[in-house]
Amino acid sequence: MTRRMAKSGEQPARTYRLALQLQYKLHSGERGTGESISIDLERLAMRCSAPIPIGEVAEVDIAWPLLASGRDPLVLRIQGVVAWSDQESAIISIGKSELVTTNPK
C-alpha cells in the first residue's frame, strides 16, 4: 500500500497494489483482458492487451479474490474514463464501482 498526497486538510488517499486478472469493454465495443496494477478511490492502473484511446468510456471487471456467501465468484466492476494510456497499460478515472456476483440468480 502506498499513500498519495492529499489536498490541504484531507487524509492522504490509500493506493493498493493488486495483481488481479481483469476483462474490459469500451464504449466503442472493443474488448480486452489484462491485470490490475493498483487501485485507489479515484483511479485504477492496469496492464491491458492493446492500447486504449484516452477519453474512452470503459467498464472493467476485476476477478475478486473472495467469494460471496462462500460460493459465488465476485468481480469488482468499475466504470470510468481512460485518463492515460500507452501501448501496454492504462489509468482509468473511476466514476462508479461495485462488487457484483458473476452467478445470476
PDB file of N, CA and C in Angstrom:
ATOM      1  N   MET A   1       0.840  -1.167   0.000  1.00  0.00           N
ATOM      2  CA  MET A   1       0.000   0.000   0.000  1.00  0.00           C
ATOM      3  C   MET A   1       0.890   1.237   0.000  1.00  0.00           C
ATOM      4  N   THR A   2       0.529   2.224  -0.776  1.00  0.00           N
ATOM      5  CA  THR A   2       1.224   3.499  -0.784  1.00  0.00           C
ATOM      6  C   THR A   2       0.206   4.582  -0.497  1.00  0.00           C
ATOM      7  N   ARG A   3       0.698   5.765  -0.223  1.00  0.00           N
ATOM      8  CA  ARG A   3      -0.197   6.894   0.015  1.00  0.00           C
ATOM      9  C   ARG A   3       0.113   8.001  -0.978  1.00  0.00           C
ATOM     10  N   ARG A   4      -0.944   8.548  -1.531  1.00  0.00           N
ATOM     11  CA  ARG A   4      -0.837   9.665  -2.451  1.00  0.00           C
ATOM     12  C   ARG A   4      -1.027  10.947  -1.650  1.00  0.00           C
ATOM     13  N   MET A   5      -0.389  12.023  -2.064  1.00  0.00           N
ATOM     14  CA  MET A   5      -0.536  13.302  -1.384  1.00  0.00           C
ATOM     15  C   MET A   5      -1.975  13.788  -1.517  1.00  0.00           C
ATOM     16  N   ALA A   6      -2.491  14.357  -0.445  1.00  0.00           N
ATOM     17  CA  ALA A   6      -3.860  14.861  -0.438  1.00  0.00           C
ATOM     18  C   ALA A   6      -3.846  16.380  -0.472  1.00  0.00           C
ATOM     19  N   LYS A   7      -5.014  16.942  -0.779  1.00  0.00           N
ATOM     20  CA  LYS A   7      -5.165  18.388  -0.720  1.00  0.00           C
ATOM     21  C   LYS A   7      -5.060  18.819   0.733  1.00  0.00           C
ATOM     22  N   SER A   8      -4.798  20.076   0.955  1.00  0.00           N
ATOM     23  CA  SER A   8      -4.640  20.598   2.302  1.00  0.00           C
ATOM     24  C   SER A   8      -5.844  20.251   3.175  1.00  0.00           C
ATOM     25  N   GLY A   9      -5.596  19.671   4.344  1.00  0.00           N
ATOM     26  CA  GLY A   9      -6.642  19.339   5.283  1.00  0.00           C
ATOM     27  C   GLY A   9      -7.300  17.990   5.056  1.00  0.00           C
ATOM     28  N   GLU A  10      -6.926  17.261   4.013  1.00  0.00           N
ATOM     29  CA  GLU A  10      -7.515  15.954   3.731  1.00  0.00           C
ATOM     30  C   GLU A  10      -6.548  14.847   4.112  1.00  0.00           C
ATOM     31  N   GLN A  11      -7.095  13.672   4.387  1.00  0.00           N
ATOM     32  CA  GLN A  11      -6.272  12.491   4.612  1.00  0.00           C
ATOM     33  C   GLN A  11      -5.660  12.060   3.278  1.00  0.00           C
ATOM     34  N   PRO A  12      -4.425  11.551   3.282  1.00  0.00           N
ATOM     35  CA  PRO A  12      -3.866  11.024   2.031  1.00  0.00           C
ATOM     36  C   PRO A  12      -4.681   9.834   1.535  1.00  0.00           C
ATOM     37  N   ALA A  13      -4.856   9.745   0.219  1.00  0.00           N
ATOM     38  CA  ALA A  13      -5.588   8.618  -0.366  1.00  0.00           C
ATOM     39  C   ALA A  13      -4.699   7.371  -0.311  1.00  0.00           C
ATOM     40  N   ARG A  14      -5.288   6.238   0.000  1.00  0.00           N
ATOM     41  CA  ARG A  14      -4.539   4.980   0.045  1.00  0.00           C
ATOM     42  C   ARG A  14      -4.608   4.326  -1.321  1.00  0.00           C
ATOM     43  N   THR A  15      -3.464   3.870  -1.792  1.00  0.00           N
ATOM     44  CA  THR A  15      -3.374   3.138  -3.051  1.00  0.00           C
ATOM     45  C   THR A  15      -2.961   1.713  -2.730  1.00  0.00           C
ATOM     46  N   TYR A  16      -3.727   0.765  -3.271  1.00  0.00           N
ATOM     47  CA  TYR A  16      -3.462  -0.646  -3.018  1.00  0.00           C
ATOM     48  C   TYR A  16      -2.903  -1.297  -4.274  1.00  0.00           C
ATOM     49  N   ARG A  17      -1.785  -1.963  -4.132  1.00  0.00           N
ATOM     50  CA  ARG A  17      -1.190  -2.706  -5.246  1.00  0.00           C
ATOM     51  C   ARG A  17      -1.846  -4.079  -5.304  1.00  0.00           C
ATOM     52  N   LEU A  18      -2.537  -4.350  -6.410  1.00  0.00           N
ATOM     53  CA  LEU A  18      -3.240  -5.619  -6.589  1.00  0.00           C
ATOM     54  C   LEU A  18      -2.961  -6.142  -7.982  1.00  0.00           C
ATOM     55  N   ALA A  19      -2.502  -7.366  -8.074  1.00  0.00           N
ATOM     56  CA  ALA A  19      -2.284  -8.008  -9.374  1.00  0.00           C
ATOM     57  C   ALA A  19      -3.388  -9.033  -9.576  1.00  0.00           C
ATOM     58  N   LEU A  20      -4.531  -8.581 -10.130  1.00  0.00           N
ATOM     59  CA  LEU A  20      -5.687  -9.444 -10.341  1.00  0.00           C
ATOM     60  C   LEU A  20      -6.083  -9.423 -11.810  1.00  0.00           C
ATOM     61  N   GLN A  21      -6.559 -10.567 -12.306  1.00  0.00           N
ATOM     62  CA  GLN A  21      -6.989 -10.660 -13.705  1.00  0.00           C
ATOM     63  C   GLN A  21      -8.229  -9.804 -13.931  1.00  0.00           C
ATOM     64  N   LEU A  22      -8.327  -9.232 -15.132  1.00  0.00           N
ATOM     65  CA  LEU A  22      -9.473  -8.388 -15.445  1.00  0.00           C
ATOM     66  C   LEU A  22      -9.865  -8.529 -16.908  1.00  0.00           C
ATOM     67  N   GLN A  23     -11.088  -8.117 -17.180  1.00  0.00           N
ATOM     68  CA  GLN A  23     -11.613  -8.009 -18.543  1.00  0.00           C
ATOM     69  C   GLN A  23     -12.193  -6.614 -18.664  1.00  0.00           C
ATOM     70  N   TYR A  24     -12.066  -6.024 -19.858  1.00  0.00           N
ATOM     71  CA  TYR A  24     -12.648  -4.699 -20.043  1.00  0.00           C
ATOM     72  C   TYR A  24     -13.403  -4.631 -21.355  1.00  0.00           C
ATOM     73  N   LYS A  25     -14.381  -3.738 -21.379  1.00  0.00           N
ATOM     74  CA  LYS A  25     -15.055  -3.425 -22.625  1.00  0.00           C
ATOM     75  C   LYS A  25     -15.188  -1.918 -22.701  1.00  0.00           C
ATOM     76  N   LEU A  26     -15.021  -1.421 -23.911  1.00  0.00           N
ATOM     77  CA  LEU A  26     -15.060   0.011 -24.153  1.00  0.00           C
ATOM     78  C   LEU A  26     -16.389   0.402 -24.776  1.00  0.00           C
ATOM     79  N   HIS A  27     -16.752   1.659 -24.639  1.00  0.00           N
ATOM     80  CA  HIS A  27     -17.993   2.176 -25.215  1.00  0.00           C
ATOM     81  C   HIS A  27     -18.036   1.912 -26.723  1.00  0.00           C
ATOM     82  N   SER A  28     -16.873   1.895 -27.361  1.00  0.00           N
ATOM     83  CA  SER A  28     -16.782   1.657 -28.806  1.00  0.00           C
ATOM     84  C   SER A  28     -17.084   0.194 -29.170  1.00  0.00           C
ATOM     85  N   GLY A  29     -17.153  -0.703 -28.145  1.00  0.00           N
ATOM     86  CA  GLY A  29     -17.414  -2.119 -28.394  1.00  0.00           C
ATOM     87  C   GLY A  29     -16.172  -2.994 -28.295  1.00  0.00           C
ATOM     88  N   GLU A  30     -14.999  -2.394 -28.308  1.00  0.00           N
ATOM     89  CA  GLU A  30     -13.753  -3.158 -28.181  1.00  0.00           C
ATOM     90  C   GLU A  30     -13.689  -3.823 -26.815  1.00  0.00           C
ATOM     91  N   ARG A  31     -13.138  -5.035 -26.785  1.00  0.00           N
ATOM     92  CA  ARG A  31     -12.969  -5.784 -25.539  1.00  0.00           C
ATOM     93  C   ARG A  31     -11.516  -6.226 -25.405  1.00  0.00           C
ATOM     94  N   GLY A  32     -11.110  -6.480 -24.168  1.00  0.00           N
ATOM     95  CA  GLY A  32      -9.764  -6.967 -23.950  1.00  0.00           C
ATOM     96  C   GLY A  32      -9.598  -7.539 -22.558  1.00  0.00           C
ATOM     97  N   THR A  33      -8.404  -8.014 -22.282  1.00  0.00           N
ATOM     98  CA  THR A  33      -8.065  -8.579 -20.980  1.00  0.00           C
ATOM     99  C   THR A  33      -6.824  -7.895 -20.445  1.00  0.00           C
ATOM    100  N   GLY A  34      -6.542  -8.121 -19.174  1.00  0.00           N
ATOM    101  CA  GLY A  34      -5.358  -7.521 -18.590  1.00  0.00           C
ATOM    102  C   GLY A  34      -5.206  -7.918 -17.135  1.00  0.00           C
ATOM    103  N   GLU A  35      -4.480  -7.075 -16.404  1.00  0.00           N
ATOM    104  CA  GLU A  35      -4.200  -7.315 -14.999  1.00  0.00           C
ATOM    105  C   GLU A  35      -4.136  -5.975 -14.285  1.00  0.00           C
ATOM    106  N   SER A  36      -4.728  -5.922 -13.104  1.00  0.00           N
ATOM    107  CA  SER A  36      -4.653  -4.683 -12.325  1.00  0.00           C
ATOM    108  C   SER A  36      -3.227  -4.487 -11.808  1.00  0.00           C
ATOM    109  N   ILE A  37      -2.847  -3.240 -11.647  1.00  0.00           N
ATOM    110  CA  ILE A  37      -1.550  -2.883 -11.066  1.00  0.00           C
ATOM    111  C   ILE A  37      -1.781  -2.275  -9.683  1.00  0.00           C
ATOM    112  N   SER A  38      -2.665  -1.261  -9.626  1.00  0.00           N
ATOM    113  CA  SER A  38      -3.006  -0.624  -8.359  1.00  0.00           C
ATOM    114  C   SER A  38      -4.364   0.048  -8.478  1.00  0.00           C
ATOM    115  N   ILE A  39      -4.955   0.309  -7.314  1.00  0.00           N
ATOM    116  CA  ILE A  39      -6.275   0.934  -7.283  1.00  0.00           C
ATOM    117  C   ILE A  39      -6.377   1.823  -6.049  1.00  0.00           C
ATOM    118  N   ASP A  40      -7.084   2.940  -6.193  1.00  0.00           N
ATOM    119  CA  ASP A  40      -7.461   3.758  -5.047  1.00  0.00           C
ATOM    120  C   ASP A  40      -8.896   4.222  -5.280  1.00  0.00           C
ATOM    121  N   LEU A  41      -9.380   5.148  -4.509  1.00  0.00           N
ATOM    122  CA  LEU A  41     -10.772   5.583  -4.641  1.00  0.00           C
ATOM    123  C   LEU A  41     -11.063   6.296  -5.957  1.00  0.00           C
ATOM    124  N   GLU A  42     -10.028   6.831  -6.606  1.00  0.00           N
ATOM    125  CA  GLU A  42     -10.243   7.649  -7.793  1.00  0.00           C
ATOM    126  C   GLU A  42      -9.766   7.027  -9.095  1.00  0.00           C
ATOM    127  N   ARG A  43      -8.832   6.071  -9.026  1.00  0.00           N
ATOM    128  CA  ARG A  43      -8.265   5.554 -10.276  1.00  0.00           C
ATOM    129  C   ARG A  43      -7.813   4.108 -10.162  1.00  0.00           C
ATOM    130  N   LEU A  44      -7.817   3.469 -11.334  1.00  0.00           N
ATOM    131  CA  LEU A  44      -7.329   2.100 -11.488  1.00  0.00           C
ATOM    132  C   LEU A  44      -6.192   2.133 -12.494  1.00  0.00           C
ATOM    133  N   ALA A  45      -5.034   1.605 -12.114  1.00  0.00           N
ATOM    134  CA  ALA A  45      -3.929   1.422 -13.054  1.00  0.00           C
ATOM    135  C   ALA A  45      -3.933  -0.046 -13.460  1.00  0.00           C
ATOM    136  N   MET A  46      -3.814  -0.289 -14.767  1.00  0.00           N
ATOM    137  CA  MET A  46      -3.910  -1.669 -15.254  1.00  0.00           C
ATOM    138  C   MET A  46      -3.019  -1.899 -16.454  1.00  0.00           C
ATOM    139  N   ARG A  47      -2.606  -3.159 -16.616  1.00  0.00           N
ATOM    140  CA  ARG A  47      -1.967  -3.603 -17.840  1.00  0.00           C
ATOM    141  C   ARG A  47      -3.098  -4.037 -18.771  1.00  0.00           C
ATOM    142  N   CYS A  48      -2.949  -3.789 -20.059  1.00  0.00           N
ATOM    143  CA  CYS A  48      -4.021  -4.146 -20.991  1.00  0.00           C
ATOM    144  C   CYS A  48      -3.441  -4.820 -22.229  1.00  0.00           C
ATOM    145  N   SER A  49      -4.302  -5.558 -22.930  1.00  0.00           N
ATOM    146  CA  SER A  49      -3.867  -6.361 -24.068  1.00  0.00           C
ATOM    147  C   SER A  49      -3.638  -5.538 -25.327  1.00  0.00           C
ATOM    148  N   ALA A  50      -4.122  -4.303 -25.356  1.00  0.00           N
ATOM    149  CA  ALA A  50      -3.950  -3.427 -26.516  1.00  0.00           C
ATOM    150  C   ALA A  50      -4.067  -1.979 -26.045  1.00  0.00           C
ATOM    151  N   PRO A  51      -3.521  -1.028 -26.792  1.00  0.00           N
ATOM    152  CA  PRO A  51      -3.673   0.377 -26.406  1.00  0.00           C
ATOM    153  C   PRO A  51      -5.153   0.768 -26.347  1.00  0.00           C
ATOM    154  N   ILE A  52      -5.499   1.607 -25.390  1.00  0.00           N
ATOM    155  CA  ILE A  52      -6.869   2.087 -25.224  1.00  0.00           C
ATOM    156  C   ILE A  52      -6.858   3.599 -25.436  1.00  0.00           C
ATOM    157  N   PRO A  53      -7.749   4.125 -26.281  1.00  0.00           N
ATOM    158  CA  PRO A  53      -7.759   5.571 -26.528  1.00  0.00           C
ATOM    159  C   PRO A  53      -8.100   6.373 -25.268  1.00  0.00           C
ATOM    160  N   ILE A  54      -7.359   7.432 -25.031  1.00  0.00           N
ATOM    161  CA  ILE A  54      -7.640   8.341 -23.920  1.00  0.00           C
ATOM    162  C   ILE A  54      -9.003   8.978 -24.166  1.00  0.00           C
ATOM    163  N   GLY A  55      -9.790   9.090 -23.097  1.00  0.00           N
ATOM    164  CA  GLY A  55     -11.124   9.657 -23.185  1.00  0.00           C
ATOM    165  C   GLY A  55     -12.213   8.622 -23.426  1.00  0.00           C
ATOM    166  N   GLU A  56     -11.823   7.389 -23.723  1.00  0.00           N
ATOM    167  CA  GLU A  56     -12.791   6.308 -23.973  1.00  0.00           C
ATOM    168  C   GLU A  56     -13.478   5.913 -22.664  1.00  0.00           C
ATOM    169  N   VAL A  57     -14.788   5.689 -22.726  1.00  0.00           N
ATOM    170  CA  VAL A  57     -15.539   5.187 -21.576  1.00  0.00           C
ATOM    171  C   VAL A  57     -15.294   3.687 -21.476  1.00  0.00           C
ATOM    172  N   ALA A  58     -15.004   3.211 -20.270  1.00  0.00           N
ATOM    173  CA  ALA A  58     -14.647   1.806 -20.075  1.00  0.00           C
ATOM    174  C   ALA A  58     -15.416   1.198 -18.919  1.00  0.00           C
ATOM    175  N   GLU A  59     -15.695  -0.099 -19.048  1.00  0.00           N
ATOM    176  CA  GLU A  59     -16.211  -0.902 -17.945  1.00  0.00           C
ATOM    177  C   GLU A  59     -15.211  -2.029 -17.731  1.00  0.00           C
ATOM    178  N   VAL A  60     -14.708  -2.146 -16.510  1.00  0.00           N
ATOM    179  CA  VAL A  60     -13.670  -3.115 -16.185  1.00  0.00           C
ATOM    180  C   VAL A  60     -14.196  -4.046 -15.106  1.00  0.00           C
ATOM    181  N   ASP A  61     -14.092  -5.353 -15.335  1.00  0.00           N
ATOM    182  CA  ASP A  61     -14.444  -6.363 -14.340  1.00  0.00           C
ATOM    183  C   ASP A  61     -13.165  -7.014 -13.837  1.00  0.00           C
ATOM    184  N   ILE A  62     -12.875  -6.816 -12.547  1.00  0.00           N
ATOM    185  CA  ILE A  62     -11.691  -7.392 -11.923  1.00  0.00           C
ATOM    186  C   ILE A  62     -12.120  -8.619 -11.125  1.00  0.00           C
ATOM    187  N   ALA A  63     -11.497  -9.768 -11.400  1.00  0.00           N
ATOM    188  CA  ALA A  63     -11.795 -11.003 -10.668  1.00  0.00           C
ATOM    189  C   ALA A  63     -11.377 -10.815  -9.213  1.00  0.00           C
ATOM    190  N   TRP A  64     -12.359 -10.766  -8.312  1.00  0.00           N
ATOM    191  CA  TRP A  64     -12.082 -10.501  -6.899  1.00  0.00           C
ATOM    192  C   TRP A  64     -11.709 -11.798  -6.193  1.00  0.00           C
ATOM    193  N   PRO A  65     -10.755 -11.758  -5.261  1.00  0.00           N
ATOM    194  CA  PRO A  65     -10.243 -12.997  -4.656  1.00  0.00           C
ATOM    195  C   PRO A  65     -11.126 -13.603  -3.557  1.00  0.00           C
ATOM    196  N   LEU A  66     -12.307 -13.067  -3.332  1.00  0.00           N
ATOM    197  CA  LEU A  66     -13.211 -13.618  -2.327  1.00  0.00           C
ATOM    198  C   LEU A  66     -14.499 -14.090  -2.982  1.00  0.00           C
ATOM    199  N   LEU A  67     -15.204 -14.970  -2.302  1.00  0.00           N
ATOM    200  CA  LEU A  67     -16.482 -15.475  -2.789  1.00  0.00           C
ATOM    201  C   LEU A  67     -17.623 -14.868  -1.969  1.00  0.00           C
ATOM    202  N   ALA A  68     -18.749 -14.593  -2.621  1.00  0.00           N
ATOM    203  CA  ALA A  68     -19.943 -14.146  -1.911  1.00  0.00           C
ATOM    204  C   ALA A  68     -20.617 -15.378  -1.314  1.00  0.00           C
ATOM    205  N   SER A  69     -20.993 -15.291  -0.067  1.00  0.00           N
ATOM    206  CA  SER A  69     -21.638 -16.413   0.636  1.00  0.00           C
ATOM    207  C   SER A  69     -20.787 -17.680   0.575  1.00  0.00           C
ATOM    208  N   GLY A  70     -19.490 -17.527   0.401  1.00  0.00           N
ATOM    209  CA  GLY A  70     -18.581 -18.660   0.386  1.00  0.00           C
ATOM    210  C   GLY A  70     -18.620 -19.503  -0.869  1.00  0.00           C
ATOM    211  N   ARG A  71     -19.419 -19.108  -1.890  1.00  0.00           N
ATOM    212  CA  ARG A  71     -19.525 -19.957  -3.079  1.00  0.00           C
ATOM    213  C   ARG A  71     -19.615 -19.220  -4.409  1.00  0.00           C
ATOM    214  N   ASP A  72     -20.123 -17.987  -4.429  1.00  0.00           N
ATOM    215  CA  ASP A  72     -20.335 -17.271  -5.683  1.00  0.00           C
ATOM    216  C   ASP A  72     -19.161 -16.351  -6.000  1.00  0.00           C
ATOM    217  N   PRO A  73     -18.557 -16.503  -7.176  1.00  0.00           N
ATOM    218  CA  PRO A  73     -17.442 -15.619  -7.561  1.00  0.00           C
ATOM    219  C   PRO A  73     -17.888 -14.153  -7.617  1.00  0.00           C
ATOM    220  N   LEU A  74     -16.990 -13.277  -7.229  1.00  0.00           N
ATOM    221  CA  LEU A  74     -17.239 -11.840  -7.252  1.00  0.00           C
ATOM    222  C   LEU A  74     -16.344 -11.155  -8.265  1.00  0.00           C
ATOM    223  N   VAL A  75     -16.827 -10.061  -8.828  1.00  0.00           N
ATOM    224  CA  VAL A  75     -15.980  -9.168  -9.611  1.00  0.00           C
ATOM    225  C   VAL A  75     -16.175  -7.756  -9.067  1.00  0.00           C
ATOM    226  N   LEU A  76     -15.104  -6.988  -9.085  1.00  0.00           N
ATOM    227  CA  LEU A  76     -15.192  -5.559  -8.816  1.00  0.00           C
ATOM    228  C   LEU A  76     -15.417  -4.901 -10.170  1.00  0.00           C
ATOM    229  N   ARG A  77     -16.616  -4.361 -10.381  1.00  0.00           N
ATOM    230  CA  ARG A  77     -16.966  -3.729 -11.657  1.00  0.00           C
ATOM    231  C   ARG A  77     -16.736  -2.235 -11.526  1.00  0.00           C
ATOM    232  N   ILE A  78     -15.872  -1.732 -12.394  1.00  0.00           N
ATOM    233  CA  ILE A  78     -15.511  -0.312 -12.397  1.00  0.00           C
ATOM    234  C   ILE A  78     -15.963   0.297 -13.705  1.00  0.00           C
ATOM    235  N   GLN A  79     -16.621   1.437 -13.621  1.00  0.00           N
ATOM    236  CA  GLN A  79     -16.983   2.213 -14.795  1.00  0.00           C
ATOM    237  C   GLN A  79     -16.257   3.546 -14.696  1.00  0.00           C
ATOM    238  N   GLY A  80     -15.656   3.961 -15.800  1.00  0.00           N
ATOM    239  CA  GLY A  80     -14.915   5.212 -15.774  1.00  0.00           C
ATOM    240  C   GLY A  80     -14.428   5.607 -17.150  1.00  0.00           C
ATOM    241  N   VAL A  81     -13.480   6.510 -17.156  1.00  0.00           N
ATOM    242  CA  VAL A  81     -12.935   7.071 -18.392  1.00  0.00           C
ATOM    243  C   VAL A  81     -11.423   6.877 -18.397  1.00  0.00           C
ATOM    244  N   VAL A  82     -10.889   6.517 -19.556  1.00  0.00           N
ATOM    245  CA  VAL A  82      -9.443   6.337 -19.695  1.00  0.00           C
ATOM    246  C   VAL A  82      -8.773   7.714 -19.598  1.00  0.00           C
ATOM    247  N   ALA A  83      -7.971   7.893 -18.548  1.00  0.00           N
ATOM    248  CA  ALA A  83      -7.296   9.170 -18.308  1.00  0.00           C
ATOM    249  C   ALA A  83      -5.888   9.204 -18.902  1.00  0.00           C
ATOM    250  N   TRP A  84      -5.281   8.019 -19.053  1.00  0.00           N
ATOM    251  CA  TRP A  84      -3.912   7.912 -19.584  1.00  0.00           C
ATOM    252  C   TRP A  84      -3.746   6.520 -20.151  1.00  0.00           C
ATOM    253  N   SER A  85      -2.945   6.399 -21.199  1.00  0.00           N
ATOM    254  CA  SER A  85      -2.726   5.095 -21.806  1.00  0.00           C
ATOM    255  C   SER A  85      -1.430   5.097 -22.599  1.00  0.00           C
ATOM    256  N   ASP A  86      -0.767   3.921 -22.644  1.00  0.00           N
ATOM    257  CA  ASP A  86       0.342   3.713 -23.571  1.00  0.00           C
ATOM    258  C   ASP A  86       0.131   2.353 -24.236  1.00  0.00           C
ATOM    259  N   GLN A  87       1.152   1.750 -24.794  1.00  0.00           N
ATOM    260  CA  GLN A  87       0.994   0.504 -25.546  1.00  0.00           C
ATOM    261  C   GLN A  87       0.513  -0.670 -24.701  1.00  0.00           C
ATOM    262  N   GLU A  88       0.838  -0.686 -23.411  1.00  0.00           N
ATOM    263  CA  GLU A  88       0.526  -1.869 -22.605  1.00  0.00           C
ATOM    264  C   GLU A  88      -0.121  -1.583 -21.259  1.00  0.00           C
ATOM    265  N   SER A  89      -0.453  -0.342 -20.976  1.00  0.00           N
ATOM    266  CA  SER A  89      -1.098  -0.031 -19.700  1.00  0.00           C
ATOM    267  C   SER A  89      -2.002   1.188 -19.839  1.00  0.00           C
ATOM    268  N   ALA A  90      -2.866   1.355 -18.837  1.00  0.00           N
ATOM    269  CA  ALA A  90      -3.807   2.471 -18.851  1.00  0.00           C
ATOM    270  C   ALA A  90      -4.181   2.831 -17.423  1.00  0.00           C
ATOM    271  N   ILE A  91      -4.663   4.052 -17.262  1.00  0.00           N
ATOM    272  CA  ILE A  91      -5.227   4.500 -15.995  1.00  0.00           C
ATOM    273  C   ILE A  91      -6.668   4.904 -16.259  1.00  0.00           C
ATOM    274  N   ILE A  92      -7.570   4.315 -15.474  1.00  0.00           N
ATOM    275  CA  ILE A  92      -8.993   4.606 -15.579  1.00  0.00           C
ATOM    276  C   ILE A  92      -9.376   5.523 -14.423  1.00  0.00           C
ATOM    277  N   SER A  93      -9.988   6.645 -14.734  1.00  0.00           N
ATOM    278  CA  SER A  93     -10.544   7.525 -13.717  1.00  0.00           C
ATOM    279  C   SER A  93     -11.909   6.944 -13.341  1.00  0.00           C
ATOM    280  N   ILE A  94     -12.054   6.523 -12.079  1.00  0.00           N
ATOM    281  CA  ILE A  94     -13.239   5.785 -11.646  1.00  0.00           C
ATOM    282  C   ILE A  94     -14.421   6.724 -11.430  1.00  0.00           C
ATOM    283  N   GLY A  95     -15.538   6.401 -12.104  1.00  0.00           N
ATOM    284  CA  GLY A  95     -16.779   7.127 -11.887  1.00  0.00           C
ATOM    285  C   GLY A  95     -17.706   6.368 -10.954  1.00  0.00           C
ATOM    286  N   LYS A  96     -17.691   5.040 -11.077  1.00  0.00           N
ATOM    287  CA  LYS A  96     -18.572   4.173 -10.284  1.00  0.00           C
ATOM    288  C   LYS A  96     -17.879   2.831 -10.095  1.00  0.00           C
ATOM    289  N   SER A  97     -18.076   2.218  -8.924  1.00  0.00           N
ATOM    290  CA  SER A  97     -17.545   0.876  -8.695  1.00  0.00           C
ATOM    291  C   SER A  97     -18.496   0.118  -7.776  1.00  0.00           C
ATOM    292  N   GLU A  98     -18.575  -1.211  -8.001  1.00  0.00           N
ATOM    293  CA  GLU A  98     -19.397  -2.053  -7.145  1.00  0.00           C
ATOM    294  C   GLU A  98     -18.914  -3.490  -7.228  1.00  0.00           C
ATOM    295  N   LEU A  99     -19.104  -4.236  -6.140  1.00  0.00           N
ATOM    296  CA  LEU A  99     -18.820  -5.664  -6.130  1.00  0.00           C
ATOM    297  C   LEU A  99     -20.099  -6.384  -6.555  1.00  0.00           C
ATOM    298  N   VAL A 100     -19.996  -7.247  -7.563  1.00  0.00           N
ATOM    299  CA  VAL A 100     -21.157  -7.990  -8.042  1.00  0.00           C
ATOM    300  C   VAL A 100     -20.800  -9.456  -8.170  1.00  0.00           C
ATOM    301  N   THR A 101     -21.811 -10.316  -8.048  1.00  0.00           N
ATOM    302  CA  THR A 101     -21.573 -11.740  -8.258  1.00  0.00           C
ATOM    303  C   THR A 101     -21.624 -12.040  -9.741  1.00  0.00           C
ATOM    304  N   THR A 102     -20.901 -13.072 -10.157  1.00  0.00           N
ATOM    305  CA  THR A 102     -20.899 -13.458 -11.571  1.00  0.00           C
ATOM    306  C   THR A 102     -21.889 -14.569 -11.850  1.00  0.00           C
ATOM    307  N   ASN A 103     -22.559 -15.075 -10.808  1.00  0.00           N
ATOM    308  CA  ASN A 103     -23.597 -16.100 -10.978  1.00  0.00           C
ATOM    309  C   ASN A 103     -24.962 -15.455 -10.774  1.00  0.00           C
ATOM    310  N   PRO A 104     -25.692 -15.152 -11.865  1.00  0.00           N
ATOM    311  CA  PRO A 104     -27.016 -14.558 -11.678  1.00  0.00           C
ATOM    312  C   PRO A 104     -27.968 -15.567 -11.040  1.00  0.00           C
ATOM    313  N   LYS A 105     -28.855 -15.095 -10.213  1.00  0.00           N
ATOM    314  CA  LYS A 105     -29.794 -15.990  -9.521  1.00  0.00           C
ATOM    315  C   LYS A 105     -31.139 -15.964 -10.165  1.00  0.00           C
TER     316      LYS A 105
END
